[in-house]
Amino acid sequence: MQEKMLEVQDLKMYFPSGSQVVKAVDGVSFDVYKGETLGLVGESGCGKSTTGRLTIRLLQSTAGRILYGGQDISALRGNALRDLRCKMQIIFQDPFSSLDPRKTIGDTIGRPLVVHNLVPRAERFDRVLELMERVGLDPNWVNKYPHELDGGRRQRVGIARALAVNPEYIVCDEPVSALDVSIQAQVLNLLQDLQEELGLTYLFISHDLSVVKHLSNRIAVMYLGKIVELCDADGLFDNPVHPYTKALLSAIPIPTIGEKPKRILLHGDVPSPKNPPSGCRFHTRCPYATERCRTEEPCLREVESGHTVACHLAE
């Protein structure tokens, strides 16, 4: 039986907006197992990045619990939270804005070593060079600045910085979406190699389903602050159940000879998280919606072993 590294229970994140609140994450629950990659996908604005940042306590949740190694970390403060930072890290989406332009590459990678006092001062420079080599960066670039590197190399700096504290769990927040396709493949392969070498666990956030399938063991699909489907990667692609998942998968371009797979087009805009629809949040765009969908919110139910769906029609 796989060991649970992270347990997220009914997690909520509401942001005030004038007299209303934005329900960015609204009752999300899932587990992340040690050594796996859990993909988190959905349209822009569905709450993927917010969920990832909540799991490593970059944001304080409005409600819900986050268990890491069985310990509730939802309310950690001070030194306890500081110690947690060595176990949980993040790789940001933009490899330029996430780096301090005033700091050299060596200073950026070495900063976590200073903050957490992990390596004696005399050994820090050697540790920085070791990290650079591990992620495929030329050690001769240690005194260069971020603007002197291309996007792929800047993202490798971000990966090296995350690895500096020897973490167990890393949130990859769309780490390749800002890169050229050829560079994306290199960074994805690097992440896979590091996972195998270091036994890392990833929460991989992306809107690109092809990338997520390539990297993930299981995939969770989010829509308007909620998870609507979760199962292993092959099961999701071979047997999607939720209408939203089916529409997402139909949008993936597949080179074929002859008749092309039918594209499922969703009509209407994504509702505002300030005022989400009653019942199933997808019912305003779902071609199969019934009166029950409009009035009763579906819960995540297991339709087969390891495959959970929030849809009345799946029953």
Protein backbone atom coordinates (compact mmCIF):
# COMPACT_ATOMS: atom_id res chain seq x y z
CA MET A 1 0.00 0.00 0.00
CA GLN A 2 1.34 3.43 -0.95
CA GLU A 3 2.33 5.80 1.83
CA LYS A 4 0.44 9.08 1.96
CA MET A 5 2.73 12.09 2.04
CA LEU A 6 0.06 14.78 1.84
CA GLU A 7 -3.65 14.76 2.73
CA VAL A 8 -5.80 17.73 1.76
CA GLN A 9 -9.21 17.80 3.46
CA ASP A 10 -12.03 20.16 2.44
CA LEU A 11 -9.59 22.97 1.66
CA LYS A 12 -11.02 26.44 1.03
CA MET A 13 -9.48 29.76 0.06
CA TYR A 14 -11.69 32.84 -0.13
CA PHE A 15 -10.31 36.24 -1.13
CA PRO A 16 -12.23 39.41 -0.20
CA SER A 17 -13.32 41.52 -3.17
CA GLY A 18 -15.31 44.56 -2.15
CA SER A 19 -18.54 43.41 -0.57
CA GLN A 20 -18.12 39.90 -2.05
CA VAL A 21 -15.64 37.05 -1.74
CA VAL A 22 -13.83 35.19 -4.52
CA LYS A 23 -14.12 31.46 -3.83
CA ALA A 24 -10.84 30.51 -5.48
CA VAL A 25 -10.72 27.08 -3.83
CA ASP A 26 -13.96 25.77 -2.39
CA GLY A 27 -13.86 22.40 -0.67
CA VAL A 28 -10.99 20.53 -2.33
CA SER A 29 -9.87 17.13 -1.01
CA PHE A 30 -7.16 14.80 -2.34
CA ASP A 31 -4.12 12.76 -1.29
CA VAL A 32 -0.58 12.78 -2.66
CA TYR A 33 1.39 9.57 -2.28
CA LYS A 34 5.11 9.40 -1.60
CA GLY A 35 7.19 9.27 -4.77
CA GLU A 36 4.33 9.95 -7.19
CA THR A 37 3.45 12.83 -9.46
CA LEU A 38 -0.11 14.07 -9.08
CA GLY A 39 -1.17 16.22 -12.03
CA LEU A 40 -3.62 19.07 -11.41
CA VAL A 41 -5.30 20.41 -14.54
CA GLY A 42 -8.07 22.79 -15.54
CA GLU A 43 -8.78 26.10 -17.27
CA SER A 44 -7.05 29.30 -16.22
CA GLY A 45 -8.62 30.70 -13.06
CA CYS A 46 -9.96 27.38 -11.78
CA GLY A 47 -7.82 27.51 -8.62
CA LYS A 48 -4.93 25.19 -9.53
CA SER A 49 -2.06 27.47 -8.53
CA THR A 50 -3.85 28.64 -5.39
CA THR A 51 -4.34 25.01 -4.35
CA GLY A 52 -0.66 24.26 -4.88
CA ARG A 53 0.45 27.24 -2.85
CA LEU A 54 -1.94 26.34 -0.06
CA THR A 55 -0.42 22.86 0.24
CA ILE A 56 3.01 24.32 1.05
CA ARG A 57 1.61 27.12 3.23
CA LEU A 58 2.58 30.01 0.97
CA LEU A 59 -1.04 31.04 1.57
CA GLN A 60 -3.07 30.62 4.74
CA SER A 61 -6.26 28.71 3.96
CA THR A 62 -9.70 30.02 4.91
CA ALA A 63 -10.79 26.57 6.07
CA GLY A 64 -9.86 22.90 5.80
CA ARG A 65 -6.87 20.83 6.86
CA ILE A 66 -3.53 19.93 5.30
CA LEU A 67 -1.79 16.87 6.74
CA TYR A 68 1.87 16.34 5.87
CA GLY A 69 3.26 13.02 7.05
CA GLY A 70 0.19 12.72 9.26
CA GLN A 71 0.83 16.10 10.95
CA ASP A 72 -1.65 18.94 10.58
CA ILE A 73 0.35 21.84 9.16
CA SER A 74 -2.63 24.14 8.56
CA ALA A 75 -1.90 26.34 11.56
CA LEU A 76 1.89 26.09 11.89
CA ARG A 77 3.66 29.30 12.80
CA GLY A 78 7.17 30.59 13.52
CA ASN A 79 10.04 28.12 13.70
CA ALA A 80 7.80 25.12 13.04
CA LEU A 81 6.69 26.60 9.72
CA ARG A 82 10.26 27.63 8.93
CA ASP A 83 11.46 24.05 9.45
CA LEU A 84 8.69 22.82 7.14
CA ARG A 85 10.13 24.91 4.29
CA CYS A 86 13.04 22.46 4.05
CA LYS A 87 10.61 19.65 3.19
CA MET A 88 8.31 21.49 0.79
CA GLN A 89 9.32 23.72 -2.11
CA ILE A 90 7.88 25.27 -5.28
CA ILE A 91 9.04 25.84 -8.86
CA PHE A 92 7.27 28.91 -10.21
CA GLN A 93 5.71 29.39 -13.63
CA ASP A 94 7.69 32.44 -14.78
CA PRO A 95 11.44 31.73 -14.70
CA PHE A 96 12.25 35.44 -14.91
CA SER A 97 9.98 37.23 -12.42
CA SER A 98 10.61 34.49 -9.81
CA LEU A 99 14.32 35.38 -9.72
CA ASP A 100 15.78 38.52 -8.14
CA PRO A 101 17.43 40.45 -11.02
CA ARG A 102 19.90 42.03 -8.57
CA LYS A 103 21.28 38.67 -7.42
CA THR A 104 23.74 36.48 -9.28
CA ILE A 105 22.84 32.88 -10.07
CA GLY A 106 25.16 31.71 -7.32
CA ASP A 107 23.56 34.03 -4.75
CA THR A 108 20.06 32.91 -5.76
CA ILE A 109 20.80 29.20 -5.46
CA GLY A 110 22.83 29.67 -2.29
CA ARG A 111 20.30 31.85 -0.46
CA PRO A 112 18.27 28.91 0.97
CA LEU A 113 21.50 27.46 2.36
CA VAL A 114 22.07 30.71 4.26
CA VAL A 115 18.48 31.14 5.46
CA HIS A 116 18.25 27.61 6.84
CA ASN A 117 21.93 27.35 7.83
CA LEU A 118 22.25 24.00 6.07
CA VAL A 119 25.89 24.10 4.99
CA PRO A 120 28.96 25.60 6.71
CA ARG A 121 29.97 28.88 5.12
CA ALA A 122 33.22 27.46 3.73
CA GLU A 123 31.28 24.74 1.86
CA ARG A 124 28.45 26.85 0.40
CA PHE A 125 30.14 27.73 -2.86
CA ASP A 126 30.95 24.07 -3.61
CA ARG A 127 27.34 23.12 -2.79
CA VAL A 128 26.06 25.77 -5.22
CA LEU A 129 28.31 24.44 -7.98
CA GLU A 130 27.11 20.91 -7.25
CA LEU A 131 23.47 22.00 -7.56
CA MET A 132 24.18 23.81 -10.83
CA GLU A 133 25.79 20.71 -12.32
CA ARG A 134 22.88 18.54 -11.14
CA VAL A 135 20.33 20.61 -13.09
CA GLY A 136 22.54 20.98 -16.17
CA LEU A 137 23.89 24.49 -15.65
CA ASP A 138 27.48 25.39 -16.52
CA PRO A 139 29.27 26.21 -13.21
CA ASN A 140 31.05 29.04 -15.04
CA TRP A 141 27.71 30.91 -15.02
CA VAL A 142 27.71 31.17 -11.22
CA ASN A 143 28.37 34.94 -11.34
CA LYS A 144 25.94 35.71 -14.16
CA TYR A 145 22.60 37.48 -13.62
CA PRO A 146 19.15 36.18 -14.65
CA HIS A 147 18.87 38.52 -17.66
CA GLU A 148 21.99 36.94 -19.12
CA LEU A 149 20.34 33.51 -19.36
CA ASP A 150 17.57 32.23 -21.62
CA GLY A 151 14.23 30.98 -20.27
CA GLY A 152 15.23 27.34 -20.03
CA ARG A 153 18.40 28.08 -18.07
CA ARG A 154 16.54 30.48 -15.78
CA GLN A 155 14.03 27.74 -14.99
CA ARG A 156 16.93 25.40 -14.19
CA VAL A 157 18.10 28.02 -11.69
CA GLY A 158 14.65 27.91 -10.09
CA ILE A 159 14.82 24.12 -9.90
CA ALA A 160 18.31 24.24 -8.35
CA ARG A 161 17.08 26.76 -5.76
CA ALA A 162 14.20 24.44 -4.84
CA LEU A 163 16.58 21.48 -4.51
CA ALA A 164 19.00 23.37 -2.27
CA VAL A 165 17.13 22.47 0.94
CA ASN A 166 16.76 18.75 0.03
CA PRO A 167 12.94 18.80 -0.14
CA GLU A 168 10.65 15.77 -0.29
CA TYR A 169 7.64 17.44 -1.90
CA ILE A 170 7.74 20.02 -4.72
CA VAL A 171 4.87 21.97 -6.25
CA CYS A 172 5.61 22.46 -9.96
CA ASP A 173 3.39 25.42 -10.87
CA GLU A 174 3.22 25.29 -14.68
CA PRO A 175 7.04 25.12 -14.84
CA VAL A 176 7.25 24.76 -18.63
CA SER A 177 4.33 26.85 -19.91
CA ALA A 178 6.55 29.90 -20.52
CA LEU A 179 9.21 27.92 -22.42
CA ASP A 180 9.69 26.94 -26.06
CA VAL A 181 8.49 23.44 -26.93
CA SER A 182 12.01 22.07 -27.42
CA ILE A 183 13.10 23.48 -24.06
CA GLN A 184 9.94 22.13 -22.39
CA ALA A 185 10.99 18.57 -23.19
CA GLN A 186 14.44 19.13 -21.65
CA VAL A 187 13.01 20.54 -18.42
CA LEU A 188 10.39 17.77 -18.15
CA ASN A 189 13.07 15.12 -18.60
CA LEU A 190 15.18 16.84 -15.96
CA LEU A 191 12.27 16.79 -13.50
CA GLN A 192 11.73 13.09 -14.15
CA ASP A 193 15.42 12.29 -13.68
CA LEU A 194 15.55 14.24 -10.42
CA GLN A 195 12.47 12.43 -9.16
CA GLU A 196 14.07 9.06 -9.81
CA GLU A 197 17.43 10.04 -8.31
CA LEU A 198 16.14 11.84 -5.21
CA GLY A 199 12.80 10.13 -4.59
CA LEU A 200 10.87 13.39 -4.96
CA THR A 201 7.09 13.79 -4.86
CA TYR A 202 5.48 16.30 -7.24
CA LEU A 203 2.21 18.16 -7.48
CA PHE A 204 2.41 19.11 -11.15
CA ILE A 205 0.08 21.96 -12.13
CA SER A 206 -0.63 22.63 -15.79
CA HIS A 207 -3.32 23.42 -18.33
CA ASP A 208 -1.55 21.27 -20.92
CA LEU A 209 -3.01 17.77 -20.68
CA SER A 210 -0.38 16.24 -22.97
CA VAL A 211 2.39 17.41 -20.65
CA VAL A 212 0.52 16.21 -17.58
CA LYS A 213 -0.05 12.74 -19.05
CA HIS A 214 3.66 12.45 -19.86
CA LEU A 215 4.70 13.16 -16.27
CA SER A 216 1.86 12.14 -13.93
CA ASN A 217 0.86 8.92 -12.19
CA ARG A 218 -2.59 10.29 -11.32
CA ILE A 219 -4.48 13.35 -12.54
CA ALA A 220 -7.04 15.58 -10.79
CA VAL A 221 -9.28 17.83 -12.91
CA MET A 222 -10.42 21.16 -11.41
CA TYR A 223 -13.31 23.37 -12.44
CA LEU A 224 -14.22 26.64 -10.72
CA GLY A 225 -12.55 25.87 -7.39
CA LYS A 226 -13.53 22.19 -7.13
CA ILE A 227 -12.11 18.84 -8.20
CA VAL A 228 -14.54 17.15 -10.59
CA GLU A 229 -12.57 13.99 -11.48
CA LEU A 230 -9.51 12.16 -10.18
CA CYS A 231 -7.93 8.88 -11.28
CA ASP A 232 -4.74 7.40 -12.71
CA ALA A 233 -3.43 9.04 -15.87
CA ASP A 234 -4.19 6.16 -18.24
CA GLY A 235 -7.70 5.75 -16.83
CA LEU A 236 -8.47 9.43 -17.30
CA PHE A 237 -7.44 9.44 -20.94
CA ASP A 238 -8.96 6.04 -21.79
CA ASN A 239 -12.21 6.39 -19.86
CA PRO A 240 -13.08 10.00 -18.88
CA VAL A 241 -16.42 10.21 -17.09
CA HIS A 242 -17.11 13.86 -16.25
CA PRO A 243 -18.42 15.93 -19.21
CA TYR A 244 -15.87 18.64 -18.48
CA THR A 245 -12.99 16.15 -18.61
CA LYS A 246 -14.31 14.79 -21.91
CA ALA A 247 -14.39 18.31 -23.36
CA LEU A 248 -10.82 19.01 -22.22
CA LEU A 249 -9.51 15.79 -23.73
CA SER A 250 -11.31 16.39 -27.00
CA ALA A 251 -9.40 19.67 -27.37
CA ILE A 252 -6.02 17.89 -27.54
CA PRO A 253 -4.79 17.98 -31.16
CA ILE A 254 -4.16 14.41 -32.34
CA PRO A 255 -2.52 13.79 -35.75
CA THR A 256 -4.69 11.22 -37.53
CA ILE A 257 -5.28 9.89 -41.03
CA GLY A 258 -8.93 9.97 -42.10
CA GLU A 259 -11.79 11.05 -39.86
CA LYS A 260 -10.73 13.20 -36.91
CA PRO A 261 -12.09 12.62 -33.37
CA LYS A 262 -15.16 14.73 -32.66
CA ARG A 263 -14.45 17.94 -30.78
CA ILE A 264 -16.73 18.73 -27.82
CA LEU A 265 -17.39 22.46 -27.76
CA LEU A 266 -18.44 24.12 -24.52
CA HIS A 267 -20.77 27.08 -24.89
CA GLY A 268 -20.81 30.11 -22.62
CA ASP A 269 -18.15 31.58 -20.36
CA VAL A 270 -16.78 30.20 -17.11
CA PRO A 271 -18.96 31.61 -14.29
CA SER A 272 -17.43 34.03 -11.81
CA PRO A 273 -15.97 32.52 -8.62
CA LYS A 274 -17.58 35.49 -6.83
CA ASN A 275 -21.00 34.07 -7.59
CA PRO A 276 -20.69 30.40 -8.59
CA PRO A 277 -23.80 28.61 -9.91
CA SER A 278 -26.01 26.59 -7.59
CA GLY A 279 -25.88 22.81 -7.76
CA CYS A 280 -23.17 21.49 -10.05
CA ARG A 281 -20.91 24.38 -11.02
CA PHE A 282 -20.54 22.99 -14.52
CA HIS A 283 -24.26 22.79 -15.27
CA THR A 284 -24.32 26.19 -17.05
CA ARG A 285 -22.04 24.79 -19.79
CA CYS A 286 -22.89 21.08 -19.65
CA PRO A 287 -24.89 19.70 -22.61
CA TYR A 288 -26.32 16.93 -20.39
CA ALA A 289 -27.44 19.02 -17.39
CA THR A 290 -30.74 18.09 -15.71
CA GLU A 291 -32.85 19.84 -13.10
CA ARG A 292 -31.05 17.88 -10.40
CA CYS A 293 -27.72 19.26 -11.66
CA ARG A 294 -29.07 22.81 -11.26
CA THR A 295 -30.19 22.35 -7.65
CA GLU A 296 -28.06 19.64 -6.02
CA GLU A 297 -24.28 19.81 -5.77
CA PRO A 298 -22.64 16.45 -6.65
CA CYS A 299 -20.05 14.95 -4.31
CA LEU A 300 -16.90 13.13 -5.38
CA ARG A 301 -17.93 9.48 -5.64
CA GLU A 302 -15.91 6.44 -6.58
CA VAL A 303 -17.29 5.01 -9.84
CA GLU A 304 -14.62 2.31 -9.93
CA SER A 305 -11.52 1.50 -7.93
CA GLY A 306 -9.33 4.62 -7.71
CA HIS A 307 -11.60 6.65 -10.03
CA THR A 308 -13.68 9.38 -8.38
CA VAL A 309 -16.09 11.75 -10.15
CA ALA A 310 -18.36 14.59 -9.05
CA CYS A 311 -21.26 14.14 -11.48
CA HIS A 312 -24.86 13.01 -10.97
CA LEU A 313 -24.85 11.35 -14.40
CA ALA A 314 -21.93 9.10 -13.35
CA GLU A 315 -24.20 7.37 -10.85
